[in-house]
């Protein structure tokens, strides 16, 4: 995926699952976790990990983080009604951004 900010180009490398999540934000800035699960058909546990990974990279924001008071993303249990938002202020100085880190298998 290639992004363009002003005159700068960035190449974002991500997994197919991450891309399917990010595509959901083409026409909307926020979705519920349940809407993401329905639209992508990714099982809840895997989607939970993927969303948390994208939140860690600051690409997405989870509304529950600001209201919960939890110490970190790992402490949060994401519910189907929780809102996931696209970070419209995301920026990165790197030309190549790699978001495709392997998921932890439990």
N, C-alpha and C. Protein backbone atom coordinates (compact mmCIF):
# COMPACT_ATOMS: atom_id res chain seq x y z
N UNK A 1 0.85 -1.15 0.00
CA UNK A 1 0.00 0.00 0.00
C UNK A 1 0.91 1.23 0.00
N UNK A 2 0.57 2.20 -0.81
CA UNK A 2 1.35 3.43 -0.89
C UNK A 2 0.47 4.59 -0.46
N UNK A 3 1.01 5.42 0.42
CA UNK A 3 0.27 6.61 0.87
C UNK A 3 0.95 7.84 0.32
N UNK A 4 0.22 8.91 0.28
CA UNK A 4 0.80 10.16 -0.20
C UNK A 4 0.38 11.29 0.72
N UNK A 5 1.35 11.92 1.34
CA UNK A 5 1.10 13.09 2.16
C UNK A 5 1.86 14.25 1.52
N UNK A 6 1.13 15.25 1.07
CA UNK A 6 1.72 16.41 0.39
C UNK A 6 2.60 15.91 -0.75
N UNK A 7 3.90 16.12 -0.67
CA UNK A 7 4.81 15.69 -1.72
C UNK A 7 5.59 14.44 -1.33
N UNK A 8 5.33 13.90 -0.14
CA UNK A 8 6.06 12.73 0.34
C UNK A 8 5.28 11.46 0.09
N UNK A 9 5.98 10.42 -0.35
CA UNK A 9 5.37 9.11 -0.55
C UNK A 9 5.88 8.17 0.52
N UNK A 10 5.00 7.31 1.00
CA UNK A 10 5.39 6.28 1.96
C UNK A 10 4.90 4.94 1.45
N UNK A 11 5.67 3.93 1.69
CA UNK A 11 5.28 2.57 1.36
C UNK A 11 4.99 1.85 2.67
N UNK A 12 3.75 1.40 2.83
CA UNK A 12 3.34 0.71 4.05
C UNK A 12 3.19 -0.76 3.72
N UNK A 13 3.94 -1.57 4.44
CA UNK A 13 3.88 -3.01 4.24
C UNK A 13 3.08 -3.61 5.38
N UNK A 14 2.01 -4.34 5.00
CA UNK A 14 1.16 -4.93 6.03
C UNK A 14 0.64 -6.28 5.54
N UNK A 15 0.09 -7.04 6.47
CA UNK A 15 -0.43 -8.36 6.12
C UNK A 15 -1.79 -8.20 5.42
N UNK A 16 -2.25 -9.27 4.81
CA UNK A 16 -3.55 -9.28 4.15
C UNK A 16 -4.66 -8.98 5.16
N UNK A 17 -4.56 -9.54 6.35
CA UNK A 17 -5.55 -9.30 7.39
C UNK A 17 -5.57 -7.82 7.80
N UNK A 18 -4.38 -7.24 7.99
CA UNK A 18 -4.30 -5.83 8.36
C UNK A 18 -4.88 -4.95 7.24
N UNK A 19 -4.58 -5.30 6.00
CA UNK A 19 -5.09 -4.54 4.87
C UNK A 19 -6.60 -4.63 4.79
N UNK A 20 -7.16 -5.80 5.07
CA UNK A 20 -8.62 -5.94 5.03
C UNK A 20 -9.27 -5.08 6.11
N UNK A 21 -8.60 -4.92 7.25
CA UNK A 21 -9.10 -4.03 8.31
C UNK A 21 -9.00 -2.58 7.87
N UNK A 22 -7.85 -2.18 7.34
CA UNK A 22 -7.65 -0.80 6.93
C UNK A 22 -8.58 -0.39 5.79
N UNK A 23 -8.90 -1.32 4.89
CA UNK A 23 -9.82 -1.02 3.79
C UNK A 23 -11.21 -0.63 4.30
N UNK A 24 -11.57 -1.10 5.48
CA UNK A 24 -12.87 -0.78 6.05
C UNK A 24 -13.01 0.71 6.36
N UNK A 25 -11.89 1.39 6.45
CA UNK A 25 -11.89 2.81 6.79
C UNK A 25 -11.79 3.71 5.54
N UNK A 26 -11.99 3.15 4.36
CA UNK A 26 -11.95 3.95 3.13
C UNK A 26 -13.06 5.00 3.09
N UNK A 27 -14.22 4.68 3.65
CA UNK A 27 -15.36 5.59 3.57
C UNK A 27 -15.89 6.03 4.93
N UNK A 28 -15.31 5.50 5.99
CA UNK A 28 -15.74 5.87 7.34
C UNK A 28 -14.52 6.03 8.23
N UNK A 29 -14.61 6.94 9.19
CA UNK A 29 -13.49 7.20 10.09
C UNK A 29 -13.54 6.32 11.34
N UNK A 30 -14.72 5.76 11.64
CA UNK A 30 -14.81 4.90 12.81
C UNK A 30 -15.84 3.79 12.57
N UNK A 31 -15.57 2.66 13.20
CA UNK A 31 -16.44 1.49 13.13
C UNK A 31 -16.44 0.83 14.49
N UNK A 32 -17.46 0.05 14.78
CA UNK A 32 -17.42 -0.74 16.01
C UNK A 32 -16.61 -1.99 15.72
N UNK A 33 -16.12 -2.59 16.77
CA UNK A 33 -15.35 -3.83 16.64
C UNK A 33 -16.23 -4.90 15.99
N UNK A 34 -17.51 -4.91 16.34
CA UNK A 34 -18.45 -5.87 15.76
C UNK A 34 -18.62 -5.68 14.26
N UNK A 35 -18.67 -4.42 13.81
CA UNK A 35 -18.77 -4.13 12.38
C UNK A 35 -17.51 -4.61 11.65
N UNK A 36 -16.36 -4.39 12.27
CA UNK A 36 -15.10 -4.88 11.67
C UNK A 36 -15.12 -6.39 11.55
N UNK A 37 -15.59 -7.06 12.58
CA UNK A 37 -15.63 -8.52 12.56
C UNK A 37 -16.60 -9.03 11.49
N UNK A 38 -17.77 -8.40 11.39
CA UNK A 38 -18.75 -8.80 10.38
C UNK A 38 -18.23 -8.55 8.97
N UNK A 39 -17.64 -7.38 8.74
CA UNK A 39 -17.17 -7.02 7.40
C UNK A 39 -15.97 -7.83 6.95
N UNK A 40 -15.05 -8.12 7.86
CA UNK A 40 -13.82 -8.82 7.48
C UNK A 40 -13.94 -10.34 7.64
N UNK A 41 -14.88 -10.78 8.44
CA UNK A 41 -15.08 -12.21 8.74
C UNK A 41 -13.84 -12.85 9.37
N UNK A 42 -13.08 -12.05 10.11
CA UNK A 42 -11.93 -12.56 10.85
C UNK A 42 -12.42 -12.95 12.24
N UNK A 43 -11.99 -14.10 12.73
CA UNK A 43 -12.46 -14.55 14.04
C UNK A 43 -12.04 -13.56 15.13
N UNK A 44 -12.86 -13.46 16.17
CA UNK A 44 -12.73 -12.42 17.18
C UNK A 44 -11.35 -12.36 17.82
N UNK A 45 -10.77 -13.50 18.19
CA UNK A 45 -9.46 -13.50 18.86
C UNK A 45 -8.36 -12.95 17.95
N UNK A 46 -8.38 -13.35 16.68
CA UNK A 46 -7.36 -12.87 15.74
C UNK A 46 -7.57 -11.38 15.44
N UNK A 47 -8.84 -10.98 15.27
CA UNK A 47 -9.15 -9.58 15.01
C UNK A 47 -8.73 -8.71 16.19
N UNK A 48 -8.94 -9.21 17.39
CA UNK A 48 -8.53 -8.50 18.60
C UNK A 48 -7.03 -8.21 18.56
N UNK A 49 -6.23 -9.22 18.22
CA UNK A 49 -4.78 -9.05 18.14
C UNK A 49 -4.40 -8.06 17.03
N UNK A 50 -5.04 -8.18 15.88
CA UNK A 50 -4.72 -7.31 14.75
C UNK A 50 -5.05 -5.85 15.04
N UNK A 51 -6.21 -5.62 15.63
CA UNK A 51 -6.60 -4.25 15.97
C UNK A 51 -5.65 -3.67 17.00
N UNK A 52 -5.32 -4.46 18.02
CA UNK A 52 -4.38 -3.98 19.05
C UNK A 52 -3.02 -3.67 18.45
N UNK A 53 -2.60 -4.47 17.47
CA UNK A 53 -1.32 -4.23 16.80
C UNK A 53 -1.35 -2.91 16.03
N UNK A 54 -2.45 -2.64 15.32
CA UNK A 54 -2.58 -1.39 14.58
C UNK A 54 -2.73 -0.19 15.51
N UNK A 55 -3.32 -0.41 16.69
CA UNK A 55 -3.39 0.66 17.70
C UNK A 55 -1.99 0.94 18.24
N UNK A 56 -1.20 -0.11 18.45
CA UNK A 56 0.17 0.06 18.93
C UNK A 56 1.01 0.86 17.94
N UNK A 57 0.78 0.66 16.64
CA UNK A 57 1.49 1.42 15.61
C UNK A 57 0.90 2.81 15.41
N UNK A 58 -0.17 3.13 16.15
CA UNK A 58 -0.81 4.44 16.11
C UNK A 58 -1.55 4.71 14.81
N UNK A 59 -1.88 3.65 14.07
CA UNK A 59 -2.65 3.78 12.84
C UNK A 59 -4.14 3.87 13.18
N UNK A 60 -4.55 3.08 14.16
CA UNK A 60 -5.93 3.10 14.64
C UNK A 60 -5.95 3.56 16.09
N UNK A 61 -7.11 3.97 16.55
CA UNK A 61 -7.30 4.34 17.95
C UNK A 61 -8.51 3.57 18.48
N UNK A 62 -8.43 3.17 19.71
CA UNK A 62 -9.50 2.44 20.37
C UNK A 62 -10.11 3.34 21.42
N UNK A 63 -11.38 3.65 21.29
CA UNK A 63 -12.01 4.60 22.21
C UNK A 63 -11.96 4.11 23.65
N UNK A 64 -11.92 2.81 23.83
CA UNK A 64 -11.89 2.23 25.18
C UNK A 64 -10.61 2.58 25.93
N UNK A 65 -9.53 2.84 25.20
CA UNK A 65 -8.26 3.19 25.84
C UNK A 65 -8.36 4.49 26.63
N UNK A 66 -9.05 5.47 26.07
CA UNK A 66 -9.12 6.77 26.73
C UNK A 66 -10.11 6.79 27.89
N UNK A 67 -11.08 5.87 27.89
CA UNK A 67 -12.10 5.88 28.94
C UNK A 67 -11.87 4.83 30.01
N UNK A 68 -11.06 3.83 29.71
CA UNK A 68 -10.88 2.70 30.61
C UNK A 68 -9.90 2.98 31.73
N UNK A 69 -8.85 3.71 31.47
CA UNK A 69 -7.81 3.96 32.46
C UNK A 69 -6.85 2.78 32.59
N UNK A 70 -6.86 1.86 31.64
CA UNK A 70 -5.96 0.72 31.69
C UNK A 70 -4.53 1.19 31.42
N UNK A 71 -3.57 0.42 31.92
CA UNK A 71 -2.18 0.82 31.79
C UNK A 71 -1.62 0.57 30.39
N UNK A 72 -2.23 -0.31 29.62
CA UNK A 72 -1.72 -0.57 28.29
C UNK A 72 -2.73 -1.31 27.45
N UNK A 73 -2.42 -1.44 26.19
CA UNK A 73 -3.32 -2.08 25.24
C UNK A 73 -3.56 -3.54 25.57
N UNK A 74 -2.55 -4.21 26.14
CA UNK A 74 -2.70 -5.63 26.46
C UNK A 74 -3.69 -5.86 27.60
N UNK A 75 -3.92 -4.84 28.43
CA UNK A 75 -4.83 -4.97 29.57
C UNK A 75 -6.29 -4.86 29.17
N UNK A 76 -6.56 -4.49 27.94
CA UNK A 76 -7.93 -4.21 27.52
C UNK A 76 -8.56 -5.43 26.88
N UNK A 77 -9.80 -5.68 27.26
CA UNK A 77 -10.59 -6.70 26.59
C UNK A 77 -11.55 -5.98 25.66
N UNK A 78 -11.38 -6.17 24.36
CA UNK A 78 -12.17 -5.47 23.37
C UNK A 78 -13.53 -6.15 23.24
N UNK A 79 -14.59 -5.35 23.30
CA UNK A 79 -15.96 -5.84 23.15
C UNK A 79 -16.47 -5.49 21.75
N UNK A 80 -17.53 -6.17 21.31
CA UNK A 80 -18.09 -5.93 19.98
C UNK A 80 -18.62 -4.52 19.81
N UNK A 81 -18.99 -3.86 20.90
CA UNK A 81 -19.56 -2.51 20.82
C UNK A 81 -18.50 -1.40 20.92
N UNK A 82 -17.25 -1.76 21.16
CA UNK A 82 -16.18 -0.76 21.27
C UNK A 82 -15.91 -0.12 19.91
N UNK A 83 -15.60 1.17 19.93
CA UNK A 83 -15.36 1.92 18.70
C UNK A 83 -13.87 1.91 18.34
N UNK A 84 -13.62 1.61 17.08
CA UNK A 84 -12.26 1.65 16.53
C UNK A 84 -12.24 2.80 15.53
N UNK A 85 -11.26 3.70 15.69
CA UNK A 85 -11.20 4.90 14.85
C UNK A 85 -9.90 4.94 14.07
N UNK A 86 -9.97 5.48 12.87
CA UNK A 86 -8.79 5.70 12.07
C UNK A 86 -8.09 6.95 12.60
N UNK A 87 -6.79 6.86 12.81
CA UNK A 87 -6.02 8.01 13.27
C UNK A 87 -5.72 8.90 12.06
N UNK A 88 -6.52 9.93 11.90
CA UNK A 88 -6.36 10.82 10.75
C UNK A 88 -5.10 11.67 10.83
N UNK A 89 -4.48 11.72 11.99
CA UNK A 89 -3.25 12.49 12.18
C UNK A 89 -2.00 11.62 12.11
N UNK A 90 -2.15 10.36 11.67
CA UNK A 90 -1.00 9.46 11.60
C UNK A 90 0.04 10.02 10.64
N UNK A 91 1.28 9.99 11.07
CA UNK A 91 2.38 10.35 10.18
C UNK A 91 3.61 9.57 10.61
N UNK A 92 4.47 9.35 9.66
CA UNK A 92 5.69 8.63 9.91
C UNK A 92 6.74 9.17 8.95
N UNK A 93 7.91 9.43 9.45
CA UNK A 93 8.98 10.01 8.61
C UNK A 93 9.67 8.98 7.73
N UNK A 94 9.46 7.72 8.04
CA UNK A 94 10.11 6.67 7.25
C UNK A 94 9.46 6.55 5.88
N UNK A 95 10.27 6.20 4.90
CA UNK A 95 9.77 5.98 3.55
C UNK A 95 9.08 4.62 3.47
N UNK A 96 9.60 3.66 4.21
CA UNK A 96 9.02 2.32 4.22
C UNK A 96 8.62 1.98 5.65
N UNK A 97 7.35 1.73 5.87
CA UNK A 97 6.83 1.39 7.19
C UNK A 97 6.36 -0.06 7.15
N UNK A 98 6.88 -0.89 8.04
CA UNK A 98 6.51 -2.30 8.08
C UNK A 98 5.57 -2.55 9.26
N UNK A 99 4.30 -2.79 8.95
CA UNK A 99 3.33 -3.11 9.98
C UNK A 99 3.12 -4.61 10.09
N UNK A 100 3.70 -5.37 9.20
CA UNK A 100 3.45 -6.80 9.09
C UNK A 100 4.32 -7.62 10.04
N UNK A 101 4.11 -7.42 11.31
CA UNK A 101 4.82 -8.24 12.30
C UNK A 101 3.99 -9.47 12.61
N UNK A 102 4.63 -10.59 12.90
CA UNK A 102 3.85 -11.81 13.16
C UNK A 102 3.01 -11.68 14.43
N UNK A 103 1.84 -12.32 14.39
CA UNK A 103 0.96 -12.34 15.56
C UNK A 103 1.46 -13.38 16.54
N UNK A 104 1.20 -13.14 17.82
CA UNK A 104 1.56 -14.10 18.84
C UNK A 104 0.52 -15.20 18.86
N UNK A 105 0.96 -16.44 18.78
CA UNK A 105 0.03 -17.55 18.86
C UNK A 105 -0.06 -18.02 20.30
N UNK A 106 -1.29 -18.20 20.75
CA UNK A 106 -1.49 -18.59 22.13
C UNK A 106 -2.08 -19.97 22.23
